[in-house]
Amino acid sequence: MGRNRRLVLAIAPMILLQGCVASVVSSVVTAPVKIVSKTADVLTTSQSESDEKRGREMRKREESLGKLSRQLSKAQERCADGDRDACEKAQDIRDQIEDERDGR
């Protein structure tokens, strides 16, 4: 009876720990794949992220053009009233608008 008890006590942990060993082996095997996948995600830009960035740049350019357009209108009004400095400023603003449209 004592020998059977020892045999059961020796075999029981092996049976009970089989799941733990399988889990550890599975984690060790899949870890490099997970690391490579995470690295690729961090290093690459998705299409939606690129679209969002392009949209932000377009809105920023449109805001800048709107601001320059308002400044140009004011400078042209003052130029029409005879202000020579305003005429020069209006020309500078036109050049800025052209540069902005060309993406410079």
C-alpha atoms as a PDB file:
ATOM      1  CA  MET A   1       0.000   0.000   0.000  1.00  0.00           C
ATOM      2  CA  GLY A   2       2.814   2.437   0.805  1.00  0.00           C
ATOM      3  CA  ARG A   3       4.428   1.817  -2.554  1.00  0.00           C
ATOM      4  CA  ASN A   4       1.175   2.533  -4.430  1.00  0.00           C
ATOM      5  CA  ARG A   5       0.711   5.718  -2.479  1.00  0.00           C
ATOM      6  CA  ARG A   6       4.190   6.919  -3.395  1.00  0.00           C
ATOM      7  CA  LEU A   7       3.574   6.051  -7.035  1.00  0.00           C
ATOM      8  CA  VAL A   8       0.313   8.025  -7.053  1.00  0.00           C
ATOM      9  CA  LEU A   9       2.010  10.962  -5.333  1.00  0.00           C
ATOM     10  CA  ALA A  10       4.811  10.880  -7.917  1.00  0.00           C
ATOM     11  CA  ILE A  11       2.478  10.678 -10.929  1.00  0.00           C
ATOM     12  CA  ALA A  12      -0.174  13.165  -9.738  1.00  0.00           C
ATOM     13  CA  PRO A  13       2.004  16.289 -10.033  1.00  0.00           C
ATOM     14  CA  MET A  14       3.060  15.321 -13.564  1.00  0.00           C
ATOM     15  CA  ILE A  15      -0.559  14.994 -14.643  1.00  0.00           C
ATOM     16  CA  LEU A  16      -1.642  18.167 -12.856  1.00  0.00           C
ATOM     17  CA  LEU A  17       1.272  20.274 -14.135  1.00  0.00           C
ATOM     18  CA  GLN A  18       0.903  19.243 -17.771  1.00  0.00           C
ATOM     19  CA  GLY A  19      -1.305  22.274 -18.498  1.00  0.00           C
ATOM     20  CA  CYS A  20       1.166  24.662 -16.871  1.00  0.00           C
ATOM     21  CA  VAL A  21       4.080  23.286 -18.873  1.00  0.00           C
ATOM     22  CA  ALA A  22       2.069  23.499 -22.103  1.00  0.00           C
ATOM     23  CA  SER A  23       1.098  27.082 -21.292  1.00  0.00           C
ATOM     24  CA  VAL A  24       4.715  28.109 -20.630  1.00  0.00           C
ATOM     25  CA  VAL A  25       5.920  26.415 -23.820  1.00  0.00           C
ATOM     26  CA  SER A  26       3.148  28.130 -25.792  1.00  0.00           C
ATOM     27  CA  SER A  27       4.077  31.534 -24.351  1.00  0.00           C
ATOM     28  CA  VAL A  28       7.767  31.051 -25.099  1.00  0.00           C
ATOM     29  CA  VAL A  29       7.046  29.946 -28.673  1.00  0.00           C
ATOM     30  CA  THR A  30       4.630  32.803 -29.486  1.00  0.00           C
ATOM     31  CA  ALA A  31       6.615  35.586 -27.760  1.00  0.00           C
ATOM     32  CA  PRO A  32       8.969  36.326 -30.714  1.00  0.00           C
ATOM     33  CA  VAL A  33       6.001  36.497 -33.094  1.00  0.00           C
ATOM     34  CA  LYS A  34       4.199  38.941 -30.815  1.00  0.00           C
ATOM     35  CA  ILE A  35       7.322  41.101 -30.479  1.00  0.00           C
ATOM     36  CA  VAL A  36       7.868  41.261 -34.243  1.00  0.00           C
ATOM     37  CA  SER A  37       4.190  42.048 -34.816  1.00  0.00           C
ATOM     38  CA  LYS A  38       4.208  44.860 -32.246  1.00  0.00           C
ATOM     39  CA  THR A  39       7.408  46.310 -33.719  1.00  0.00           C
ATOM     40  CA  ALA A  40       5.924  46.287 -37.212  1.00  0.00           C
ATOM     41  CA  ASP A  41       2.806  48.082 -35.926  1.00  0.00           C
ATOM     42  CA  VAL A  42       4.913  50.769 -34.285  1.00  0.00           C
ATOM     43  CA  LEU A  43       7.171  51.308 -37.308  1.00  0.00           C
ATOM     44  CA  THR A  44       4.510  51.422 -40.014  1.00  0.00           C
ATOM     45  CA  THR A  45       1.876  54.048 -40.634  1.00  0.00           C
ATOM     46  CA  SER A  46      -1.579  52.842 -41.522  1.00  0.00           C
ATOM     47  CA  GLN A  47      -3.514  54.244 -44.454  1.00  0.00           C
ATOM     48  CA  SER A  48      -6.020  55.912 -42.118  1.00  0.00           C
ATOM     49  CA  GLU A  49      -3.205  57.600 -40.185  1.00  0.00           C
ATOM     50  CA  SER A  50      -1.744  58.881 -43.454  1.00  0.00           C
ATOM     51  CA  ASP A  51      -5.174  60.160 -44.517  1.00  0.00           C
ATOM     52  CA  GLU A  52      -5.662  61.926 -41.181  1.00  0.00           C
ATOM     53  CA  LYS A  53      -2.243  63.584 -41.453  1.00  0.00           C
ATOM     54  CA  ARG A  54      -2.943  64.711 -45.017  1.00  0.00           C
ATOM     55  CA  GLY A  55      -6.334  66.083 -43.911  1.00  0.00           C
ATOM     56  CA  ARG A  56      -4.739  68.068 -41.072  1.00  0.00           C
ATOM     57  CA  GLU A  57      -2.163  69.523 -43.465  1.00  0.00           C
ATOM     58  CA  MET A  58      -4.902  70.515 -45.933  1.00  0.00           C
ATOM     59  CA  ARG A  59      -7.004  72.193 -43.209  1.00  0.00           C
ATOM     60  CA  LYS A  60      -3.932  74.042 -41.943  1.00  0.00           C
ATOM     61  CA  ARG A  61      -3.162  75.282 -45.461  1.00  0.00           C
ATOM     62  CA  GLU A  62      -6.796  76.347 -45.991  1.00  0.00           C
ATOM     63  CA  GLU A  63      -6.777  78.243 -42.682  1.00  0.00           C
ATOM     64  CA  SER A  64      -3.553  79.985 -43.665  1.00  0.00           C
ATOM     65  CA  LEU A  65      -4.971  80.908 -47.075  1.00  0.00           C
ATOM     66  CA  GLY A  66      -8.124  82.272 -45.443  1.00  0.00           C
ATOM     67  CA  LYS A  67      -6.093  84.419 -43.061  1.00  0.00           C
ATOM     68  CA  LEU A  68      -3.906  85.725 -45.888  1.00  0.00           C
ATOM     69  CA  SER A  69      -6.992  86.444 -47.991  1.00  0.00           C
ATOM     70  CA  ARG A  70      -8.515  88.549 -45.198  1.00  0.00           C
ATOM     71  CA  GLN A  71      -5.234  90.422 -44.772  1.00  0.00           C
ATOM     72  CA  LEU A  72      -5.099  91.016 -48.522  1.00  0.00           C
ATOM     73  CA  SER A  73      -8.625  92.453 -48.563  1.00  0.00           C
ATOM     74  CA  LYS A  74      -7.769  94.912 -45.785  1.00  0.00           C
ATOM     75  CA  ALA A  75      -4.493  95.903 -47.465  1.00  0.00           C
ATOM     76  CA  GLN A  76      -6.266  96.422 -50.798  1.00  0.00           C
ATOM     77  CA  GLU A  77      -8.872  98.670 -49.159  1.00  0.00           C
ATOM     78  CA  ARG A  78      -6.142 100.822 -47.604  1.00  0.00           C
ATOM     79  CA  CYS A  79      -4.260 100.823 -50.911  1.00  0.00           C
ATOM     80  CA  ALA A  80      -7.401 102.060 -52.671  1.00  0.00           C
ATOM     81  CA  ASP A  81      -7.568 104.863 -50.101  1.00  0.00           C
ATOM     82  CA  GLY A  82      -4.069 105.977 -51.190  1.00  0.00           C
ATOM     83  CA  ASP A  83      -1.828 104.206 -48.662  1.00  0.00           C
ATOM     84  CA  ARG A  84       1.330 103.279 -50.631  1.00  0.00           C
ATOM     85  CA  ASP A  85       2.665 101.027 -47.843  1.00  0.00           C
ATOM     86  CA  ALA A  86      -0.587  99.074 -47.952  1.00  0.00           C
ATOM     87  CA  CYS A  87      -0.125  98.587 -51.721  1.00  0.00           C
ATOM     88  CA  GLU A  88       3.309  97.055 -51.125  1.00  0.00           C
ATOM     89  CA  LYS A  89       1.954  94.924 -48.318  1.00  0.00           C
ATOM     90  CA  ALA A  90      -0.870  93.713 -50.579  1.00  0.00           C
ATOM     91  CA  GLN A  91       1.696  92.592 -53.148  1.00  0.00           C
ATOM     92  CA  ASP A  92       3.685  90.763 -50.469  1.00  0.00           C
ATOM     93  CA  ILE A  93       0.518  89.017 -49.311  1.00  0.00           C
ATOM     94  CA  ARG A  94      -0.305  87.998 -52.906  1.00  0.00           C
ATOM     95  CA  ASP A  95       3.164  86.435 -53.149  1.00  0.00           C
ATOM     96  CA  GLN A  96       2.588  84.589 -49.868  1.00  0.00           C
ATOM     97  CA  ILE A  97      -0.759  83.276 -51.123  1.00  0.00           C
ATOM     98  CA  GLU A  98       0.877  82.076 -54.334  1.00  0.00           C
ATOM     99  CA  ASP A  99       3.638  80.344 -52.355  1.00  0.00           C
ATOM    100  CA  GLU A 100       1.080  78.724 -50.062  1.00  0.00           C
ATOM    101  CA  ARG A 101      -0.952  77.436 -53.021  1.00  0.00           C
ATOM    102  CA  ASP A 102       2.198  76.023 -54.606  1.00  0.00           C
ATOM    103  CA  GLY A 103       2.991  74.251 -51.343  1.00  0.00           C
ATOM    104  CA  ARG A 104       6.203  76.108 -50.608  1.00  0.00           C
END
